[in-house]
Amino acid sequence: VYVPSSGGNDAWDGLSPTTPKRTIAAGKALLGHLQPDWLLLKRGDVWNESLGQWSKSGRSQDEPMVVAWYGTAAARPKLLTGIDDGVNTSGGGGSPAVIENVAFVGLHFFANTYDGTTNSVGARILQPGKHLLLEDCCFQGYHTNLVLQGYGGTHEDLRVRRCVVIDAWA
């Protein structure tokens, strides 16, 4: 599913760069749970939204769900999340017991209006997870940029590689 912040239209199918969705929420809605779907955000573009509650898994370790980028611009896709979490797996809301086989690659999460008064987190991975990857992402300006806790269980094969983690308030 292709999503540029400029030039897309949420009425389009999102299945090619010529018919992309505009919002992350519309693109995310097309992803199927337990499918090897990809959500591709355009490099150099900026969104005023987060990935929010993540409740979908990929099919297997060999066929993960991927949230990454497309395009040739130098800058990572930037998600201006305000005071909200960049992405979280906190359970509830119909989420499965375990989130597994998901990769978040090459994204920039920025708490652009955070002022130190709430507890926002760049990636809050609380729900037990298996085969999760955070790679080449930037987490910037949150109260706590990363929380990888495994509340109610443990993580198995949780990898954080080549990420930039900067300017946390805590």
N, C-alpha and C. Protein backbone atom coordinates (compact mmCIF):
# COMPACT_ATOMS: atom_id res chain seq x y z
N VAL A 1 0.86 -1.17 0.00
CA VAL A 1 0.00 0.00 0.00
C VAL A 1 0.90 1.23 0.00
N TYR A 2 0.77 2.10 -0.99
CA TYR A 2 1.59 3.30 -1.13
C TYR A 2 0.90 4.50 -0.50
N VAL A 3 1.69 5.30 0.25
CA VAL A 3 1.12 6.46 0.94
C VAL A 3 2.11 7.63 0.90
N PRO A 4 1.88 8.60 0.00
CA PRO A 4 2.60 9.86 0.10
C PRO A 4 1.70 10.85 0.85
N SER A 5 2.29 11.83 1.54
CA SER A 5 1.45 12.82 2.21
C SER A 5 0.99 13.88 1.22
N SER A 6 1.66 13.96 0.08
CA SER A 6 1.25 14.90 -0.97
C SER A 6 0.97 14.10 -2.24
N GLY A 7 -0.10 14.42 -2.90
CA GLY A 7 -0.39 13.76 -4.17
C GLY A 7 -1.24 12.52 -4.07
N GLY A 8 -1.53 12.03 -2.87
CA GLY A 8 -2.37 10.85 -2.71
C GLY A 8 -3.83 11.24 -2.54
N ASN A 9 -4.68 10.23 -2.51
CA ASN A 9 -6.11 10.45 -2.32
C ASN A 9 -6.66 9.20 -1.61
N ASP A 10 -7.28 9.39 -0.47
CA ASP A 10 -7.79 8.25 0.28
C ASP A 10 -8.92 7.51 -0.44
N ALA A 11 -9.48 8.09 -1.49
CA ALA A 11 -10.50 7.41 -2.29
C ALA A 11 -9.87 6.43 -3.29
N TRP A 12 -8.57 6.55 -3.54
CA TRP A 12 -7.89 5.65 -4.47
C TRP A 12 -7.58 4.33 -3.78
N ASP A 13 -7.16 3.32 -4.55
CA ASP A 13 -6.94 1.99 -3.97
C ASP A 13 -5.62 1.84 -3.22
N GLY A 14 -4.63 2.71 -3.47
CA GLY A 14 -3.37 2.66 -2.74
C GLY A 14 -2.43 1.55 -3.17
N LEU A 15 -2.76 0.83 -4.21
CA LEU A 15 -1.99 -0.35 -4.58
C LEU A 15 -0.85 -0.09 -5.57
N SER A 16 -0.65 1.17 -5.94
CA SER A 16 0.48 1.52 -6.81
C SER A 16 0.89 2.96 -6.52
N PRO A 17 2.09 3.35 -6.94
CA PRO A 17 2.51 4.73 -6.74
C PRO A 17 1.67 5.74 -7.53
N THR A 18 0.91 5.27 -8.53
CA THR A 18 0.07 6.18 -9.31
C THR A 18 -1.34 6.31 -8.73
N THR A 19 -1.72 5.43 -7.79
CA THR A 19 -3.04 5.52 -7.14
C THR A 19 -2.88 5.38 -5.62
N PRO A 20 -2.03 6.22 -5.00
CA PRO A 20 -1.73 6.03 -3.57
C PRO A 20 -2.80 6.62 -2.65
N LYS A 21 -2.83 6.10 -1.44
CA LYS A 21 -3.61 6.71 -0.37
C LYS A 21 -2.87 7.98 0.08
N ARG A 22 -3.54 8.88 0.80
CA ARG A 22 -2.91 10.09 1.28
C ARG A 22 -2.53 9.99 2.75
N THR A 23 -3.38 9.34 3.56
CA THR A 23 -3.14 9.28 5.00
C THR A 23 -2.64 7.91 5.42
N ILE A 24 -1.85 7.92 6.47
CA ILE A 24 -1.35 6.66 7.02
C ILE A 24 -2.53 5.81 7.51
N ALA A 25 -3.51 6.43 8.13
CA ALA A 25 -4.67 5.69 8.64
C ALA A 25 -5.38 4.94 7.51
N ALA A 26 -5.56 5.58 6.35
CA ALA A 26 -6.22 4.92 5.22
C ALA A 26 -5.37 3.78 4.68
N GLY A 27 -4.07 3.98 4.61
CA GLY A 27 -3.19 2.91 4.16
C GLY A 27 -3.17 1.74 5.12
N LYS A 28 -3.08 2.06 6.40
CA LYS A 28 -3.05 1.02 7.43
C LYS A 28 -4.32 0.18 7.43
N ALA A 29 -5.45 0.81 7.12
CA ALA A 29 -6.73 0.10 7.10
C ALA A 29 -6.78 -1.00 6.04
N LEU A 30 -5.93 -0.90 5.02
CA LEU A 30 -5.92 -1.91 3.95
C LEU A 30 -5.07 -3.13 4.30
N LEU A 31 -4.27 -3.05 5.35
CA LEU A 31 -3.40 -4.16 5.72
C LEU A 31 -4.21 -5.29 6.34
N GLY A 32 -3.91 -6.51 5.96
CA GLY A 32 -4.62 -7.67 6.50
C GLY A 32 -3.83 -8.35 7.61
N HIS A 33 -4.49 -8.66 8.70
CA HIS A 33 -3.85 -9.37 9.80
C HIS A 33 -3.41 -10.75 9.32
N LEU A 34 -2.21 -11.15 9.72
CA LEU A 34 -1.58 -12.42 9.34
C LEU A 34 -1.31 -12.51 7.84
N GLN A 35 -1.04 -11.34 7.24
CA GLN A 35 -0.69 -11.27 5.82
C GLN A 35 0.68 -10.62 5.68
N PRO A 36 1.41 -10.92 4.62
CA PRO A 36 2.71 -10.31 4.39
C PRO A 36 2.60 -8.97 3.67
N ASP A 37 1.68 -8.12 4.11
CA ASP A 37 1.41 -6.84 3.47
C ASP A 37 2.51 -5.82 3.78
N TRP A 38 2.66 -4.85 2.90
CA TRP A 38 3.64 -3.77 3.06
C TRP A 38 2.91 -2.44 3.04
N LEU A 39 3.24 -1.57 3.98
CA LEU A 39 2.78 -0.18 4.00
C LEU A 39 4.00 0.66 3.68
N LEU A 40 4.00 1.35 2.55
CA LEU A 40 5.17 2.09 2.08
C LEU A 40 4.88 3.59 2.10
N LEU A 41 5.65 4.32 2.91
CA LEU A 41 5.52 5.77 3.02
C LEU A 41 6.58 6.43 2.15
N LYS A 42 6.21 7.51 1.50
CA LYS A 42 7.12 8.14 0.55
C LYS A 42 8.25 8.89 1.26
N ARG A 43 9.48 8.59 0.87
CA ARG A 43 10.66 9.27 1.41
C ARG A 43 10.56 10.76 1.15
N GLY A 44 10.95 11.56 2.16
CA GLY A 44 10.93 13.00 2.04
C GLY A 44 9.60 13.64 2.39
N ASP A 45 8.53 12.85 2.49
CA ASP A 45 7.22 13.39 2.84
C ASP A 45 7.04 13.45 4.36
N VAL A 46 6.08 14.28 4.79
CA VAL A 46 5.81 14.51 6.22
C VAL A 46 4.31 14.35 6.46
N TRP A 47 3.97 13.63 7.54
CA TRP A 47 2.58 13.43 7.95
C TRP A 47 2.38 14.00 9.34
N ASN A 48 1.21 14.50 9.62
CA ASN A 48 0.82 14.93 10.96
C ASN A 48 -0.05 13.83 11.56
N GLU A 49 0.51 12.65 11.68
CA GLU A 49 -0.18 11.51 12.28
C GLU A 49 0.85 10.46 12.67
N SER A 50 0.41 9.52 13.48
CA SER A 50 1.29 8.45 13.94
C SER A 50 0.82 7.12 13.35
N LEU A 51 1.58 6.07 13.62
CA LEU A 51 1.09 4.73 13.27
C LEU A 51 0.07 4.26 14.29
N GLY A 52 0.07 4.86 15.49
CA GLY A 52 -0.92 4.54 16.52
C GLY A 52 -0.81 3.12 17.04
N GLN A 53 -1.94 2.60 17.49
CA GLN A 53 -2.00 1.24 18.03
C GLN A 53 -1.76 0.25 16.90
N TRP A 54 -0.75 -0.58 17.04
CA TRP A 54 -0.45 -1.59 16.01
C TRP A 54 -1.01 -2.92 16.48
N SER A 55 -1.91 -3.51 15.68
CA SER A 55 -2.57 -4.75 16.10
C SER A 55 -2.53 -5.83 15.03
N LYS A 56 -1.64 -5.68 14.05
CA LYS A 56 -1.59 -6.64 12.96
C LYS A 56 -0.23 -7.33 12.91
N SER A 57 -0.25 -8.57 12.48
CA SER A 57 0.97 -9.37 12.36
C SER A 57 1.15 -9.83 10.93
N GLY A 58 2.40 -10.19 10.61
CA GLY A 58 2.68 -10.79 9.32
C GLY A 58 2.34 -12.27 9.34
N ARG A 59 2.48 -12.91 8.19
CA ARG A 59 2.12 -14.32 8.06
C ARG A 59 3.11 -15.23 8.78
N SER A 60 4.41 -14.95 8.64
CA SER A 60 5.44 -15.80 9.23
C SER A 60 6.73 -14.99 9.33
N GLN A 61 7.73 -15.59 9.92
CA GLN A 61 9.02 -14.94 10.01
C GLN A 61 9.60 -14.69 8.61
N ASP A 62 9.34 -15.58 7.68
CA ASP A 62 9.81 -15.42 6.30
C ASP A 62 8.92 -14.50 5.47
N GLU A 63 7.69 -14.25 5.92
CA GLU A 63 6.75 -13.38 5.22
C GLU A 63 6.17 -12.37 6.21
N PRO A 64 7.02 -11.41 6.66
CA PRO A 64 6.55 -10.45 7.66
C PRO A 64 5.68 -9.36 7.05
N MET A 65 4.96 -8.65 7.90
CA MET A 65 4.33 -7.40 7.52
C MET A 65 5.42 -6.35 7.63
N VAL A 66 5.50 -5.43 6.66
CA VAL A 66 6.57 -4.44 6.63
C VAL A 66 5.97 -3.05 6.53
N VAL A 67 6.49 -2.14 7.35
CA VAL A 67 6.17 -0.72 7.25
C VAL A 67 7.50 -0.05 6.94
N ALA A 68 7.62 0.49 5.73
CA ALA A 68 8.91 1.02 5.29
C ALA A 68 8.66 2.21 4.36
N TRP A 69 9.53 2.42 3.40
CA TRP A 69 9.50 3.59 2.53
C TRP A 69 9.62 3.18 1.07
N TYR A 70 9.28 4.15 0.22
CA TYR A 70 9.56 4.03 -1.21
C TYR A 70 9.97 5.41 -1.70
N GLY A 71 10.57 5.47 -2.85
CA GLY A 71 10.99 6.76 -3.42
C GLY A 71 12.48 6.96 -3.30
N THR A 72 12.95 8.09 -3.84
CA THR A 72 14.38 8.33 -3.95
C THR A 72 14.88 9.51 -3.12
N ALA A 73 14.02 10.22 -2.42
CA ALA A 73 14.47 11.36 -1.60
C ALA A 73 15.42 10.87 -0.51
N ALA A 74 16.28 11.75 -0.06
CA ALA A 74 17.27 11.38 0.96
C ALA A 74 16.64 11.21 2.35
N ALA A 75 15.66 12.03 2.67
CA ALA A 75 15.09 12.03 4.03
C ALA A 75 14.12 10.87 4.23
N ARG A 76 14.17 10.30 5.44
CA ARG A 76 13.18 9.28 5.82
C ARG A 76 11.78 9.90 5.80
N PRO A 77 10.74 9.09 5.61
CA PRO A 77 9.38 9.58 5.82
C PRO A 77 9.27 10.05 7.28
N LYS A 78 8.72 11.25 7.50
CA LYS A 78 8.66 11.81 8.85
C LYS A 78 7.22 11.86 9.35
N LEU A 79 7.01 11.25 10.52
CA LEU A 79 5.70 11.25 11.16
C LEU A 79 5.75 12.22 12.33
N LEU A 80 5.08 13.37 12.18
CA LEU A 80 4.98 14.35 13.25
C LEU A 80 3.81 13.91 14.11
N THR A 81 4.12 13.36 15.27
CA THR A 81 3.08 12.71 16.08
C THR A 81 2.56 13.58 17.21
N GLY A 82 3.02 14.82 17.31
CA GLY A 82 2.55 15.69 18.37
C GLY A 82 2.89 15.14 19.74
N ILE A 83 1.87 14.94 20.58
CA ILE A 83 2.09 14.36 21.92
C ILE A 83 1.69 12.89 21.97
N ASP A 84 1.34 12.31 20.82
CA ASP A 84 0.94 10.90 20.77
C ASP A 84 2.15 10.00 20.59
N ASP A 85 1.99 8.71 20.95
CA ASP A 85 3.03 7.72 20.67
C ASP A 85 3.22 7.60 19.16
N GLY A 86 4.43 7.26 18.74
CA GLY A 86 4.68 7.01 17.32
C GLY A 86 4.02 5.73 16.87
N VAL A 87 4.25 4.66 17.62
CA VAL A 87 3.62 3.36 17.38
C VAL A 87 3.56 2.65 18.72
N ASN A 88 2.49 1.92 18.96
CA ASN A 88 2.42 1.17 20.22
C ASN A 88 1.70 -0.15 20.03
N THR A 89 2.10 -1.09 20.84
CA THR A 89 1.41 -2.38 20.92
C THR A 89 1.07 -2.58 22.39
N SER A 90 -0.07 -2.07 22.77
CA SER A 90 -0.41 -2.11 24.20
C SER A 90 -1.56 -3.04 24.51
N GLY A 91 -2.02 -3.80 23.54
CA GLY A 91 -3.11 -4.74 23.78
C GLY A 91 -4.46 -4.03 23.84
N GLY A 92 -5.49 -4.82 24.03
CA GLY A 92 -6.84 -4.27 24.07
C GLY A 92 -7.31 -3.85 22.70
N GLY A 93 -8.52 -3.35 22.63
CA GLY A 93 -9.07 -2.84 21.38
C GLY A 93 -9.14 -3.87 20.27
N GLY A 94 -9.32 -5.14 20.62
CA GLY A 94 -9.40 -6.19 19.62
C GLY A 94 -8.05 -6.70 19.14
N SER A 95 -6.98 -6.25 19.77
CA SER A 95 -5.64 -6.69 19.38
C SER A 95 -5.41 -8.14 19.78
N PRO A 96 -4.69 -8.90 18.96
CA PRO A 96 -4.38 -10.29 19.34
C PRO A 96 -3.43 -10.32 20.54
N ALA A 97 -3.29 -11.47 21.16
CA ALA A 97 -2.45 -11.62 22.36
C ALA A 97 -0.98 -11.36 22.08
N VAL A 98 -0.52 -11.66 20.87
CA VAL A 98 0.88 -11.50 20.50
C VAL A 98 0.94 -10.81 19.13
N ILE A 99 1.84 -9.84 19.02
CA ILE A 99 2.12 -9.22 17.72
C ILE A 99 3.41 -9.84 17.21
N GLU A 100 3.38 -10.37 15.98
CA GLU A 100 4.56 -11.07 15.49
C GLU A 100 4.79 -10.83 14.00
N ASN A 101 6.06 -10.99 13.63
CA ASN A 101 6.46 -10.93 12.23
C ASN A 101 6.17 -9.57 11.60
N VAL A 102 6.67 -8.50 12.25
CA VAL A 102 6.48 -7.14 11.74
C VAL A 102 7.82 -6.43 11.73
N ALA A 103 8.08 -5.68 10.65
CA ALA A 103 9.30 -4.88 10.53
C ALA A 103 8.92 -3.42 10.27
N PHE A 104 9.50 -2.52 11.06
CA PHE A 104 9.38 -1.08 10.86
C PHE A 104 10.76 -0.60 10.41
N VAL A 105 10.85 -0.10 9.18
CA VAL A 105 12.16 0.18 8.59
C VAL A 105 12.20 1.58 7.98
N GLY A 106 13.22 2.35 8.38
CA GLY A 106 13.52 3.62 7.71
C GLY A 106 12.53 4.74 7.94
N LEU A 107 11.94 4.83 9.12
CA LEU A 107 10.94 5.86 9.43
C LEU A 107 11.49 6.84 10.46
N HIS A 108 10.98 8.08 10.44
CA HIS A 108 11.37 9.10 11.41
C HIS A 108 10.13 9.48 12.22
N PHE A 109 10.13 9.13 13.49
CA PHE A 109 9.04 9.47 14.41
C PHE A 109 9.49 10.68 15.23
N PHE A 110 8.72 11.76 15.21
CA PHE A 110 9.11 12.99 15.90
C PHE A 110 7.93 13.56 16.68
N ALA A 111 8.11 13.68 17.98
CA ALA A 111 7.08 14.28 18.86
C ALA A 111 7.21 15.80 18.76
N ASN A 112 6.73 16.36 17.68
CA ASN A 112 7.01 17.75 17.32
C ASN A 112 6.38 18.79 18.23
N THR A 113 5.32 18.45 18.97
CA THR A 113 4.72 19.43 19.89
C THR A 113 4.83 19.00 21.35
N TYR A 114 5.62 17.99 21.62
CA TYR A 114 5.75 17.49 22.98
C TYR A 114 6.40 18.55 23.87
N ASP A 115 5.83 18.75 25.07
CA ASP A 115 6.33 19.79 25.97
C ASP A 115 6.70 19.26 27.35
N GLY A 116 6.81 17.95 27.51
CA GLY A 116 7.22 17.37 28.77
C GLY A 116 6.09 17.10 29.76
N THR A 117 4.83 17.31 29.37
CA THR A 117 3.72 17.16 30.32
C THR A 117 3.01 15.82 30.26
N THR A 118 3.27 15.00 29.25
CA THR A 118 2.64 13.69 29.16
C THR A 118 3.72 12.63 29.03
N ASN A 119 3.31 11.39 28.89
CA ASN A 119 4.27 10.28 28.81
C ASN A 119 4.25 9.66 27.42
N SER A 120 4.50 10.45 26.39
CA SER A 120 4.48 9.89 25.04
C SER A 120 5.78 9.14 24.76
N VAL A 121 5.67 8.14 23.88
CA VAL A 121 6.80 7.26 23.58
C VAL A 121 6.88 7.08 22.06
N GLY A 122 8.09 7.06 21.53
CA GLY A 122 8.28 6.84 20.10
C GLY A 122 7.79 5.47 19.66
N ALA A 123 8.30 4.42 20.29
CA ALA A 123 7.83 3.04 20.06
C ALA A 123 7.59 2.42 21.43
N ARG A 124 6.33 2.17 21.73
CA ARG A 124 5.93 1.56 23.01
C ARG A 124 5.49 0.13 22.71
N ILE A 125 6.43 -0.81 22.83
CA ILE A 125 6.16 -2.21 22.49
C ILE A 125 5.91 -2.95 23.81
N LEU A 126 4.67 -2.91 24.27
CA LEU A 126 4.30 -3.51 25.55
C LEU A 126 3.76 -4.92 25.40
N GLN A 127 2.96 -5.12 24.39
CA GLN A 127 2.35 -6.42 24.17
C GLN A 127 3.43 -7.43 23.78
N PRO A 128 3.35 -8.66 24.27
CA PRO A 128 4.35 -9.65 23.88
C PRO A 128 4.48 -9.72 22.36
N GLY A 129 5.72 -9.82 21.89
CA GLY A 129 5.97 -9.85 20.46
C GLY A 129 6.99 -10.90 20.08
N LYS A 130 6.88 -11.36 18.84
CA LYS A 130 7.83 -12.33 18.29
C LYS A 130 8.26 -11.85 16.91
N HIS A 131 9.56 -11.89 16.68
CA HIS A 131 10.12 -11.55 15.38
C HIS A 131 9.73 -10.13 14.97
N LEU A 132 10.04 -9.17 15.84
CA LEU A 132 9.78 -7.75 15.57
C LEU A 132 11.10 -7.06 15.26
N LEU A 133 11.08 -6.16 14.29
CA LEU A 133 12.29 -5.45 13.88
C LEU A 133 12.02 -3.95 13.81
N LEU A 134 12.88 -3.18 14.46
CA LEU A 134 12.95 -1.73 14.30
C LEU A 134 14.32 -1.47 13.68
N GLU A 135 14.37 -1.03 12.42
CA GLU A 135 15.65 -0.85 11.75
C GLU A 135 15.70 0.48 11.02
N ASP A 136 16.83 1.17 11.17
CA ASP A 136 17.08 2.44 10.48
C ASP A 136 15.97 3.46 10.73
N CYS A 137 15.37 3.44 11.92
CA CYS A 137 14.36 4.42 12.29
C CYS A 137 14.98 5.50 13.16
N CYS A 138 14.34 6.65 13.21
CA CYS A 138 14.74 7.72 14.10
C CYS A 138 13.57 7.99 15.05
N PHE A 139 13.87 8.02 16.35
CA PHE A 139 12.88 8.32 17.38
C PHE A 139 13.37 9.58 18.08
N GLN A 140 12.59 10.67 17.99
CA GLN A 140 13.09 11.96 18.44
C GLN A 140 12.07 12.73 19.26
N GLY A 141 12.51 13.19 20.44
CA GLY A 141 11.78 14.18 21.21
C GLY A 141 10.61 13.69 22.04
N TYR A 142 10.51 12.41 22.31
CA TYR A 142 9.44 11.88 23.14
C TYR A 142 9.86 11.92 24.61
N HIS A 143 8.90 11.72 25.51
CA HIS A 143 9.27 11.59 26.93
C HIS A 143 10.30 10.49 27.07
N THR A 144 9.95 9.31 26.52
CA THR A 144 10.86 8.17 26.45
C THR A 144 10.78 7.68 25.01
N ASN A 145 11.89 7.63 24.33
CA ASN A 145 11.84 7.30 22.91
C ASN A 145 11.50 5.85 22.63
N LEU A 146 11.99 4.92 23.46
CA LEU A 146 11.72 3.50 23.25
C LEU A 146 11.35 2.83 24.57
N VAL A 147 10.25 2.09 24.57
CA VAL A 147 9.87 1.23 25.69
C VAL A 147 9.58 -0.14 25.11
N LEU A 148 10.41 -1.10 25.46
CA LEU A 148 10.32 -2.46 24.91
C LEU A 148 10.13 -3.41 26.09
N GLN A 149 8.91 -3.49 26.60
CA GLN A 149 8.68 -4.10 27.90
C GLN A 149 8.14 -5.52 27.88
N GLY A 150 7.24 -5.85 27.01
CA GLY A 150 6.65 -7.19 27.02
C GLY A 150 5.71 -7.38 28.19
N TYR A 151 4.84 -6.43 28.44
CA TYR A 151 3.89 -6.50 29.55
C TYR A 151 2.95 -7.70 29.36
N GLY A 152 2.85 -8.55 30.36
CA GLY A 152 1.98 -9.73 30.26
C GLY A 152 2.63 -10.89 29.53
N GLY A 153 3.91 -10.83 29.28
CA GLY A 153 4.63 -11.87 28.57
C GLY A 153 6.01 -11.38 28.21
N THR A 154 6.69 -12.09 27.35
CA THR A 154 8.03 -11.70 26.97
C THR A 154 8.13 -11.52 25.46
N HIS A 155 9.18 -10.84 25.04
CA HIS A 155 9.47 -10.70 23.62
C HIS A 155 10.41 -11.82 23.20
N GLU A 156 10.24 -12.27 21.99
CA GLU A 156 11.14 -13.26 21.40
C GLU A 156 11.62 -12.71 20.06
N ASP A 157 12.93 -12.57 19.90
CA ASP A 157 13.51 -12.07 18.67
C ASP A 157 13.02 -10.66 18.36
N LEU A 158 13.22 -9.75 19.30
CA LEU A 158 12.95 -8.33 19.10
C LEU A 158 14.29 -7.66 18.79
N ARG A 159 14.40 -7.08 17.61
CA ARG A 159 15.67 -6.50 17.16
C ARG A 159 15.54 -5.00 16.92
N VAL A 160 16.50 -4.25 17.44
CA VAL A 160 16.62 -2.82 17.18
C VAL A 160 17.99 -2.64 16.54
N ARG A 161 17.99 -2.26 15.26
CA ARG A 161 19.26 -2.15 14.52
C ARG A 161 19.38 -0.80 13.83
N ARG A 162 20.54 -0.20 13.95
CA ARG A 162 20.90 1.03 13.22
C ARG A 162 19.87 2.13 13.36
N CYS A 163 19.27 2.28 14.52
CA CYS A 163 18.31 3.35 14.77
C CYS A 163 18.99 4.55 15.42
N VAL A 164 18.41 5.71 15.22
CA VAL A 164 18.84 6.94 15.87
C VAL A 164 17.81 7.24 16.94
N VAL A 165 18.26 7.37 18.20
CA VAL A 165 17.37 7.59 19.33
C VAL A 165 17.89 8.85 20.03
N ILE A 166 17.18 10.00 19.83
CA ILE A 166 17.72 11.27 20.29
C ILE A 166 16.69 12.16 20.99
N ASP A 167 17.22 13.04 21.82
CA ASP A 167 16.46 14.15 22.43
C ASP A 167 15.28 13.70 23.29
N ALA A 168 15.40 12.57 23.98
CA ALA A 168 14.34 12.15 24.89
C ALA A 168 14.29 13.10 26.08
N TRP A 169 13.12 13.31 26.62
CA TRP A 169 12.94 14.18 27.79
C TRP A 169 13.31 13.47 29.07
N ALA A 170 13.14 12.15 29.12
CA ALA A 170 13.41 11.40 30.36
C ALA A 170 14.83 10.89 30.37
